[in-house]
Protein backbone atom coordinates (compact mmCIF):
# COMPACT_ATOMS: atom_id res chain seq x y z
CA MET A 1 28.52 -4.31 50.83
CA SER A 2 24.69 -5.41 49.85
CA GLY A 3 23.14 -4.66 46.42
CA THR A 4 20.93 -1.64 47.30
CA MET A 5 23.89 -0.27 49.03
CA ALA A 6 26.50 -0.83 45.92
CA GLU A 7 23.73 0.77 43.95
CA ALA A 8 23.42 4.12 45.85
CA ALA A 9 27.47 4.21 46.20
CA ALA A 10 27.76 4.03 41.96
CA LYS A 11 24.51 6.52 41.55
CA THR A 12 27.06 8.38 44.23
CA GLY A 13 29.76 7.95 42.28
CA ILE A 14 27.86 9.24 39.10
CA GLU A 15 26.77 12.58 40.11
CA ALA A 16 30.27 13.18 41.82
CA LEU A 17 31.70 12.45 38.12
CA ARG A 18 29.10 14.56 36.44
CA THR A 19 29.40 17.38 38.68
CA LEU A 20 33.51 17.07 38.00
CA TRP A 21 33.91 16.67 34.35
CA GLY A 22 30.00 17.33 33.01
CA GLY A 23 30.60 21.28 32.60
CA PRO A 24 30.47 23.49 29.56
CA GLU A 25 34.47 23.21 29.71
CA LEU A 26 34.99 19.90 28.79
CA ALA A 27 31.67 19.68 26.82
CA PRO A 28 33.46 19.99 23.15
CA LEU A 29 36.21 17.03 24.75
CA TRP A 30 33.50 14.59 25.18
CA THR A 31 31.25 15.65 22.05
CA ALA A 32 34.24 15.28 19.43
CA ALA A 33 35.32 11.47 21.62
CA ARG A 34 31.92 10.17 21.37
CA GLN A 35 31.53 10.94 17.40
CA ARG A 36 34.74 9.61 16.94
CA LEU A 37 33.71 6.18 18.66
CA GLU A 38 30.76 5.94 17.77
CA ARG A 39 31.87 6.19 13.98
CA ASN A 40 34.95 3.90 14.44
CA GLY A 41 33.24 0.77 16.26
CA ARG A 42 34.21 2.44 19.63
CA VAL A 43 38.24 1.54 18.92
CA LEU A 44 40.33 4.25 21.00
CA GLY A 45 43.18 4.14 18.62
CA GLY A 46 44.16 5.41 15.07
CA ARG A 47 44.59 9.70 15.34
CA PRO A 48 43.89 12.29 17.49
CA VAL A 49 40.79 13.90 17.72
CA MET A 50 40.90 17.48 17.01
CA LEU A 51 39.37 20.10 19.06
CA ARG A 52 39.71 23.10 16.95
CA ASP A 53 40.51 26.09 18.38
CA PRO A 54 39.16 25.54 21.70
CA PRO A 55 38.30 28.19 24.60
CA VAL A 56 40.78 29.01 27.07
CA ALA A 57 39.03 27.15 29.88
CA THR A 58 38.59 24.28 27.69
CA ARG A 59 42.01 24.13 27.51
CA ASP A 60 42.89 24.21 30.85
CA ARG A 61 40.60 21.62 31.60
CA VAL A 62 41.56 19.12 28.94
CA ALA A 63 45.27 19.86 30.22
CA ALA A 64 44.82 19.22 33.88
CA LEU A 65 42.64 16.19 32.68
CA LEU A 66 45.87 14.99 30.75
CA GLY A 67 48.00 15.59 33.26
CA GLU A 68 49.90 18.31 31.38
CA LEU A 69 51.76 21.30 32.64
CA ARG A 70 51.10 23.68 29.95
CA ARG A 71 48.39 25.22 28.30
CA PRO A 72 48.14 24.05 24.66
CA THR A 73 47.79 26.73 22.31
CA GLY A 74 45.91 26.80 18.28
CA ASP A 75 43.98 22.97 17.66
CA VAL A 76 44.02 20.93 20.36
CA PRO A 77 44.61 17.11 19.54
CA VAL A 78 43.63 14.34 22.09
CA SER A 79 44.63 10.65 21.77
CA LEU A 80 41.40 8.42 22.95
CA ALA A 81 43.84 6.05 24.01
CA ARG A 82 45.86 8.52 26.15
CA LEU A 83 42.14 9.94 27.38
CA ASP A 84 41.36 6.50 28.48
CA ALA A 85 44.45 5.59 30.00
CA ALA A 86 43.96 9.22 32.19
CA LEU A 87 40.81 8.48 32.70
CA ARG A 88 41.21 4.73 34.62
CA ALA A 89 43.90 6.60 37.02
CA SER A 90 41.47 8.75 38.33
CA ARG A 91 39.68 8.08 41.01
CA PHE A 92 36.72 7.01 39.37
CA GLY A 93 38.94 4.25 37.89
CA LEU A 94 36.42 4.05 34.05
CA GLY A 95 37.71 4.22 30.83
CA LEU A 96 36.54 6.87 28.47
CA LEU A 97 33.25 5.18 27.29
CA LYS A 98 32.06 4.66 30.58
CA VAL A 99 32.44 8.13 31.68
CA LEU A 100 30.63 9.16 28.30
CA GLU A 101 27.41 7.28 29.23
CA ALA A 102 27.77 8.27 32.80
CA LEU A 103 28.04 11.87 31.66
CA ASP A 104 24.98 11.18 28.82
CA GLY A 105 23.12 8.49 30.24
CA GLN A 106 23.20 7.07 26.57
CA PRO A 107 25.40 4.25 25.08
CA VAL A 108 28.22 4.98 23.05
CA ARG A 109 26.62 2.85 19.84
CA ASP A 110 28.81 1.23 17.45
CA ARG A 111 27.34 2.47 14.14
CA ARG A 112 29.50 0.27 11.80
CA ALA A 113 27.94 -2.59 13.67
CA GLU A 114 24.22 -1.13 13.29
CA ARG A 115 25.10 -0.42 9.45
CA THR A 116 26.42 -3.94 9.05
CA ALA A 117 23.59 -5.43 11.19
CA ALA A 118 20.73 -3.15 9.25
CA LYS A 119 22.76 -4.62 5.71
CA ASP A 120 22.38 -8.02 6.84
CA THR A 121 18.63 -7.76 8.06
CA LEU A 122 17.86 -6.27 4.70
CA ARG A 123 19.42 -8.87 2.92
CA VAL A 124 17.21 -11.56 4.85
CA ALA A 125 13.98 -9.53 4.04
CA ARG A 126 15.00 -9.27 0.26
CA ARG A 127 15.18 -13.24 0.25
CA GLU A 128 11.97 -13.99 2.08
CA LEU A 129 9.88 -11.37 0.29
CA ALA A 130 11.23 -12.72 -2.74
CA ALA A 131 9.90 -16.26 -1.86
CA HIS A 132 6.66 -14.71 -0.44
CA PRO A 133 3.05 -16.46 -1.47
CA ALA A 134 1.92 -12.89 -3.00
CA LEU A 135 4.84 -12.74 -5.44
CA HIS A 136 4.08 -16.45 -6.54
CA ASP A 137 0.32 -15.47 -6.62
CA HIS A 138 1.04 -12.51 -8.64
CA PRO A 139 4.50 -11.97 -9.87
CA GLU A 140 3.33 -8.96 -11.07
CA LEU A 141 3.88 -7.34 -7.58
CA ALA A 142 7.79 -7.62 -8.08
CA ALA A 143 8.01 -4.21 -9.50
CA TRP A 144 6.23 -2.94 -6.63
CA VAL A 145 7.93 -4.70 -4.13
CA ASP A 146 11.12 -3.23 -5.64
CA SER A 147 9.52 0.41 -5.39
CA LEU A 148 9.09 -0.04 -1.99
CA ASP A 149 13.11 -1.10 -1.49
CA ALA A 150 13.90 2.03 -2.74
CA ARG A 151 11.98 3.98 -0.30
CA GLY A 152 13.40 2.31 2.53
CA LEU A 153 10.44 -0.11 3.30
CA LEU A 154 11.58 -3.90 3.48
CA GLY A 155 13.56 -3.15 6.70
CA ALA A 156 12.00 -3.04 10.04
CA ALA A 157 11.55 -0.85 13.20
CA PRO A 158 13.62 -3.45 16.50
CA ASP A 159 10.96 -6.26 17.22
CA LEU A 160 8.73 -5.43 14.15
CA PRO A 161 7.98 -7.50 10.92
CA PRO A 162 8.92 -4.95 8.32
CA PRO A 163 6.00 -2.90 6.62
CA ALA A 164 6.52 -4.59 3.33
CA ARG A 165 6.21 -8.17 4.48
CA LEU A 166 2.71 -7.32 6.19
CA ALA A 167 1.61 -5.61 3.14
CA LEU A 168 2.52 -8.79 1.15
CA ASP A 169 0.70 -10.75 4.46
CA MET A 170 -2.77 -8.70 3.16
CA LEU A 171 -2.23 -9.39 -0.19
CA ALA A 172 -1.66 -12.45 -0.73
CA GLN A 173 -5.30 -12.82 1.21
CA LEU A 174 -6.69 -10.98 -1.99
CA PRO A 175 -8.70 -10.89 -3.87
CA ALA A 176 -11.14 -12.17 -1.10
CA ASP A 177 -14.54 -12.84 -1.27
CA GLY A 178 -16.50 -9.73 0.62
CA VAL A 179 -14.74 -10.35 3.72
CA ASN A 180 -14.83 -7.34 5.89
CA ARG A 181 -11.82 -4.89 6.07
CA ALA A 182 -11.67 -4.92 9.87
CA GLU A 183 -11.99 -8.60 10.18
CA LEU A 184 -9.19 -9.25 7.77
CA ALA A 185 -6.64 -6.58 9.26
CA HIS A 186 -7.50 -9.26 12.66
CA ARG A 187 -7.21 -12.14 10.83
CA VAL A 188 -3.80 -11.03 9.37
CA VAL A 189 -2.01 -8.90 11.62
CA GLY A 190 -4.22 -9.55 15.15
CA ASP A 191 -5.36 -6.01 14.92
CA ALA A 192 -9.19 -4.87 13.80
CA HIS A 193 -7.33 -1.39 13.44
CA ALA A 194 -4.34 -2.13 11.13
CA LEU A 195 -6.41 -1.14 7.86
CA ASP A 196 -8.20 2.11 9.31
CA ASP A 197 -7.90 4.88 6.54
CA ASP A 198 -5.67 6.48 8.22
CA ALA A 199 -3.00 3.75 9.13
CA ALA A 200 0.17 3.38 7.08
CA LEU A 201 -0.28 -0.04 6.27
CA THR A 202 -3.46 0.58 4.61
CA ARG A 203 -1.91 3.18 2.62
CA LEU A 204 0.80 0.50 1.66
CA VAL A 205 -1.65 -2.64 1.17
CA LEU A 206 -3.79 -0.18 -1.13
CA SER A 207 -0.48 0.77 -3.14
CA GLY A 208 -0.06 -2.91 -3.88
CA VAL A 209 -4.00 -3.37 -4.86
CA ALA A 210 -3.47 -0.66 -7.42
CA SER A 211 -0.22 -2.16 -8.89
CA LEU A 212 -1.92 -5.40 -9.10
CA LEU A 213 -4.96 -3.49 -10.89
CA GLY A 214 -2.50 -1.38 -13.33
CA ILE A 215 -3.70 1.86 -11.53
CA GLY A 216 -1.18 4.63 -10.95
CA VAL A 217 -0.61 6.58 -7.36
CA VAL A 218 -3.80 6.91 -5.14
CA PRO A 219 -4.63 9.81 -3.55
CA VAL A 220 -4.43 9.51 0.20
CA GLY A 221 -7.05 12.38 0.79
CA ASP A 222 -9.57 10.36 -1.83
CA ALA A 223 -12.25 8.41 0.02
CA SER A 224 -14.15 6.74 -3.20
CA ALA A 225 -10.87 5.74 -4.90
CA ARG A 226 -9.81 3.83 -1.63
CA ARG A 227 -13.18 2.61 -1.29
CA GLU A 228 -13.40 1.07 -4.94
CA LEU A 229 -9.97 -0.33 -4.76
CA TRP A 230 -10.96 -2.03 -1.68
CA GLU A 231 -14.26 -3.64 -3.09
CA ALA A 232 -11.98 -4.50 -6.30
CA ALA A 233 -10.06 -6.45 -4.05
CA GLY A 234 -13.20 -7.95 -2.63
CA VAL A 235 -12.67 -6.17 0.48
CA VAL A 236 -16.07 -4.79 2.19
CA SER A 237 -15.71 -1.63 4.38
CA ASN A 238 -19.44 -1.54 4.81
CA PRO A 239 -22.21 -3.59 2.91
CA LEU A 240 -24.17 -0.76 3.12
CA THR A 241 -22.31 0.99 0.73
CA CYS A 242 -21.49 -1.81 -1.87
CA HIS A 243 -23.96 -2.26 -3.93
CA ALA A 244 -24.92 -3.41 -7.76
CA LEU A 245 -27.09 -1.19 -10.46
CA VAL A 246 -28.92 -3.53 -12.25
CA LEU A 247 -31.84 -3.12 -15.24
CA ASN A 248 -34.63 -5.71 -15.78
CA LEU A 249 -32.91 -8.46 -14.08
CA PRO A 250 -35.90 -10.77 -12.96
CA LEU A 251 -34.82 -13.80 -10.34
CA ALA A 252 -36.98 -16.71 -9.38
CA GLY A 253 -38.04 -17.03 -5.82
CA ASP A 254 -40.78 -15.00 -3.37
CA GLY A 255 -37.91 -13.11 -1.19
CA ARG A 256 -38.48 -9.52 -0.47
CA ILE A 257 -35.23 -8.21 -2.64
CA VAL A 258 -36.94 -10.34 -5.85
CA ARG A 259 -40.19 -9.35 -5.45
CA ARG A 260 -39.11 -5.85 -5.90
CA LEU A 261 -36.41 -7.07 -8.79
CA ARG A 262 -39.43 -8.16 -10.46
CA GLU A 263 -41.33 -5.44 -10.56
CA SER A 264 -38.72 -3.08 -11.44
CA ALA A 265 -38.67 -5.53 -14.76
CA ALA A 266 -41.93 -4.56 -15.11
CA GLU A 267 -41.86 -1.46 -14.97
CA GLY A 268 -38.57 -0.85 -16.60
CA THR A 269 -36.94 1.15 -13.42
CA ALA A 270 -33.22 0.38 -12.14
CA GLU A 271 -32.80 -0.72 -8.95
CA ARG A 272 -29.46 -0.89 -6.74
CA LEU A 273 -28.60 -4.25 -4.79
CA LEU A 274 -26.83 -3.77 -1.20
CA LEU A 275 -24.52 -6.60 -0.83
CA SER A 276 -26.19 -6.93 2.22
CA GLN A 277 -29.50 -7.95 0.79
CA LEU A 278 -27.59 -10.50 -1.56
CA ARG A 279 -26.28 -12.42 1.19
CA ALA A 280 -29.56 -12.18 3.01
CA GLU A 281 -31.36 -13.57 -0.04
CA PRO A 282 -30.54 -16.78 -1.92
CA LEU A 283 -30.07 -15.80 -5.73
CA ASP A 284 -31.96 -17.98 -8.01
CA ALA A 285 -31.32 -16.84 -11.86
CA THR A 286 -32.68 -19.49 -13.47
CA PRO A 287 -34.58 -17.47 -15.71
CA LEU A 288 -32.40 -16.01 -17.49
CA ALA A 289 -30.60 -19.05 -18.27
CA GLY A 290 -29.95 -19.15 -22.15
CA ARG A 291 -30.46 -15.56 -21.92
CA THR A 292 -27.98 -12.98 -22.78
CA VAL A 293 -26.94 -10.58 -19.85
CA TRP A 294 -25.66 -7.52 -20.67
CA VAL A 295 -22.95 -5.74 -18.45
CA CYS A 296 -21.45 -2.01 -19.20
CA GLU A 297 -19.05 0.06 -16.96
CA ASN A 298 -21.36 2.92 -16.99
CA PRO A 299 -24.25 4.32 -15.32
CA VAL A 300 -24.83 6.56 -18.19
CA VAL A 301 -25.81 3.39 -20.28
CA THR A 302 -28.37 1.80 -17.38
CA GLU A 303 -29.94 6.01 -17.21
CA ARG A 304 -30.13 5.92 -21.18
CA ALA A 305 -31.51 2.22 -21.58
CA GLU A 306 -34.09 3.02 -18.58
CA SER A 307 -35.54 6.32 -19.89
CA ALA A 308 -35.04 4.98 -24.06
CA LEU A 309 -36.51 1.27 -23.55
CA GLY A 310 -37.65 0.62 -20.07
CA SER A 311 -39.07 -2.64 -19.77
CA ALA A 312 -38.20 -3.77 -23.11
CA ALA A 313 -34.25 -3.03 -22.61
CA GLY A 314 -32.44 -6.54 -22.31
CA PRO A 315 -31.01 -7.37 -18.38
CA LEU A 316 -28.21 -5.01 -17.53
CA VAL A 317 -25.46 -4.88 -14.85
CA CYS A 318 -23.44 -2.04 -14.66
CA VAL A 319 -20.06 -2.79 -12.86
CA GLU A 320 -19.33 1.73 -12.10
CA GLY A 321 -15.80 1.12 -12.45
CA TRP A 322 -14.05 -1.83 -10.68
CA MET A 323 -15.83 -4.85 -10.02
CA ASN A 324 -16.97 -4.74 -6.18
CA ASN A 325 -17.87 -7.96 -4.02
CA ALA A 326 -21.84 -7.59 -4.89
CA LEU A 327 -21.27 -7.27 -8.31
CA ALA A 328 -19.14 -10.38 -8.19
CA ARG A 329 -21.72 -12.08 -6.27
CA LEU A 330 -24.88 -10.97 -8.38
CA LEU A 331 -22.34 -12.45 -11.75
CA THR A 332 -21.53 -15.22 -9.74
CA ALA A 333 -25.21 -16.38 -9.78
CA LEU A 334 -26.26 -15.53 -13.04
CA ASN A 335 -23.13 -17.21 -14.47
CA ASN A 336 -23.84 -21.10 -12.72
CA ALA A 337 -27.57 -20.40 -13.67
CA GLY A 338 -26.45 -20.48 -17.75
CA ALA A 339 -26.48 -16.60 -18.27
CA GLU A 340 -24.52 -15.29 -21.01
CA LEU A 341 -22.80 -12.47 -19.86
CA ALA A 342 -21.63 -10.08 -22.69
CA TYR A 343 -19.14 -7.06 -21.39
CA HIS A 344 -18.67 -3.61 -22.81
CA GLY A 345 -16.73 -0.60 -21.25
CA ASP A 346 -14.60 2.56 -22.10
CA PHE A 347 -12.00 2.31 -24.38
CA ASP A 348 -9.21 3.45 -22.59
CA TRP A 349 -6.37 2.30 -20.39
CA PRO A 350 -8.55 2.47 -17.04
CA GLY A 351 -11.47 0.57 -18.86
CA THR A 352 -9.64 -2.10 -20.26
CA ARG A 353 -7.96 -3.22 -17.20
CA ILE A 354 -11.68 -3.59 -15.57
CA ALA A 355 -12.48 -5.30 -18.49
CA ALA A 356 -10.25 -7.76 -17.67
CA SER A 357 -10.40 -8.54 -14.36
CA VAL A 358 -14.22 -9.07 -15.35
CA LEU A 359 -13.52 -11.33 -18.51
CA GLY A 360 -10.93 -12.62 -16.87
CA ARG A 361 -12.88 -13.99 -13.89
CA PHE A 362 -16.03 -14.85 -15.70
CA PRO A 363 -17.01 -16.72 -18.68
CA ALA A 364 -17.84 -13.50 -20.31
CA ARG A 365 -17.75 -12.46 -23.74
CA PRO A 366 -16.68 -8.67 -25.21
CA TRP A 367 -19.99 -7.10 -25.98
CA ARG A 368 -18.74 -4.85 -29.37
CA PHE A 369 -15.47 -4.25 -27.59
CA ARG A 370 -12.94 -5.88 -29.89
CA ALA A 371 -10.04 -3.91 -32.07
CA ALA A 372 -12.69 -3.90 -35.13
CA ASP A 373 -15.36 -2.60 -32.62
CA TYR A 374 -12.66 0.40 -31.13
CA LEU A 375 -11.79 1.40 -35.10
CA ALA A 376 -15.38 1.78 -36.06
CA ALA A 377 -16.13 3.81 -33.67
CA ILE A 378 -13.09 6.17 -34.49
CA ALA A 379 -13.81 6.09 -38.38
CA ALA A 380 -17.29 7.01 -37.46
CA ARG A 381 -16.32 10.11 -34.96
CA PRO A 382 -13.58 11.60 -36.94
CA ASN A 383 -13.65 14.65 -34.58
CA GLY A 384 -13.66 15.56 -30.96
CA LEU A 385 -12.49 12.07 -29.45
CA PRO A 386 -10.53 12.81 -26.34
CA PRO A 387 -6.59 11.99 -26.79
CA LEU A 388 -5.54 8.59 -24.98
CA GLU A 389 -3.16 8.72 -21.71
CA GLY A 390 -1.67 6.32 -19.22
CA ARG A 391 -0.13 3.24 -19.08
CA PRO A 392 -0.95 0.85 -21.77
CA SER A 393 -2.65 -2.34 -20.82
CA PRO A 394 -2.79 -6.08 -22.37
CA THR A 395 -6.21 -6.82 -23.88
CA PRO A 396 -6.34 -10.70 -23.58
CA TRP A 397 -9.56 -11.42 -25.23
CA ASP A 398 -8.45 -9.39 -28.33
CA PRO A 399 -4.69 -8.52 -28.42
CA ALA A 400 -4.85 -6.63 -31.45
CA LEU A 401 -7.25 -4.04 -29.45
CA ALA A 402 -4.50 -2.84 -27.19
CA GLU A 403 -2.24 -2.51 -30.53
CA ALA A 404 -5.53 -0.39 -32.54
CA MET A 405 -5.68 1.55 -29.06
CA THR A 406 -2.07 2.18 -29.40
CA ALA A 407 -1.82 3.39 -32.81
CA ALA A 408 -4.53 5.62 -32.54
CA GLY A 409 -3.87 7.27 -29.25
CA LEU A 410 -7.82 7.77 -29.04
CA VAL A 411 -10.53 7.70 -26.08
CA VAL A 412 -13.91 6.49 -27.03
CA GLU A 413 -16.11 6.21 -24.12
CA GLU A 414 -19.26 4.51 -23.80
CA GLU A 415 -21.56 7.95 -23.48
CA ALA A 416 -19.71 7.45 -27.19
CA VAL A 417 -21.39 4.74 -28.84
CA LEU A 418 -24.65 4.72 -26.46
CA ALA A 419 -26.69 4.51 -29.65
CA GLU A 420 -25.12 0.95 -30.84
CA LEU A 421 -25.22 -0.31 -27.00
CA LEU A 422 -28.97 0.75 -27.35
CA THR A 423 -29.36 -1.22 -30.05
CA ASP A 424 -28.46 -4.56 -28.80
CA LEU A 425 -29.96 -4.08 -25.80
CA ALA A 426 -33.54 -3.94 -27.65
CA SER A 427 -32.98 -6.53 -29.48
């Protein structure tokens, strides 16, 4: 018999089998048999399956299938081994497993083996992730990986790598030096859209970035929060939205941006420098060699310095939250030119984490941002300071600061100490 004829005969046999045994009368038997076999590893032995008080039509068909002359009463026990033998003795010559698969068109799964394989896969995934380069470079991510394990994100879908490993592959590339987000996605995953805003991997990677920065859960719908996280990790979504806010920052050279900065410094007005602009022109900061460049966290400091001091204010750079790539590029040029960077931020836990990222990346000094400064600010403002909330973070430039903040439990924002900051900027 040719292959085509054999296939046609097999198809005809399956259709006949379904016609004979695929009706509703035997459906309870097939359902109970499949459930038992999938649960016990496809083993025919063991105790009988029990059909609980089935209808008369089911009793009659089961009895006929097993070769019994009398209709059973009450609950009907059926031995799977006996049922398998009866099916093999039929004109179709197929055992119970083959009959179930022919009736449903679906394989009888071995769920016990599947669970074992899933556990083995998970053990391998855990072992591989524990040795991942991202965890070597950022051991603080271990707690984040544990949280993914609790959410079942270490395993993988068939033929796909585990989501956690893909996220760690991304995190191993961070902090980046102004790489485009689509370029990063293509480099690591081979898909430029893998880090699109609505991608599941994006949420996972951003949660890892937030963990590195000591931030809590990132609101899924907060586009500005997501952009700030990407920029803090050195990843650029759009060079036209990544910028640095500066005041009185005269640089050398004859480029268009440099000329604008000198004009703005002469007038005492603030400027925003786009990442695309900072990339387009070389940054020659030699005029600021040996001078203090003040760095603040909040734009209100820049606005007040502009309005109160104008061109008399010292050079000022505002990070406006987490440092983005435009700021990193600018501060690198200032540091390389010999400028002395001095940083101040909010006395709250997010503020100390931002400060740690700046002071840890550049040889900057704290600007009124030590324990003594915090305690003096509280003493001068005994009323009206908001309570300190959130997860504490270390202050490696002055460990006593974190201790003082924990003990006092109060927030001192930059707005509260503007007078002191403006005094320094005017000197």
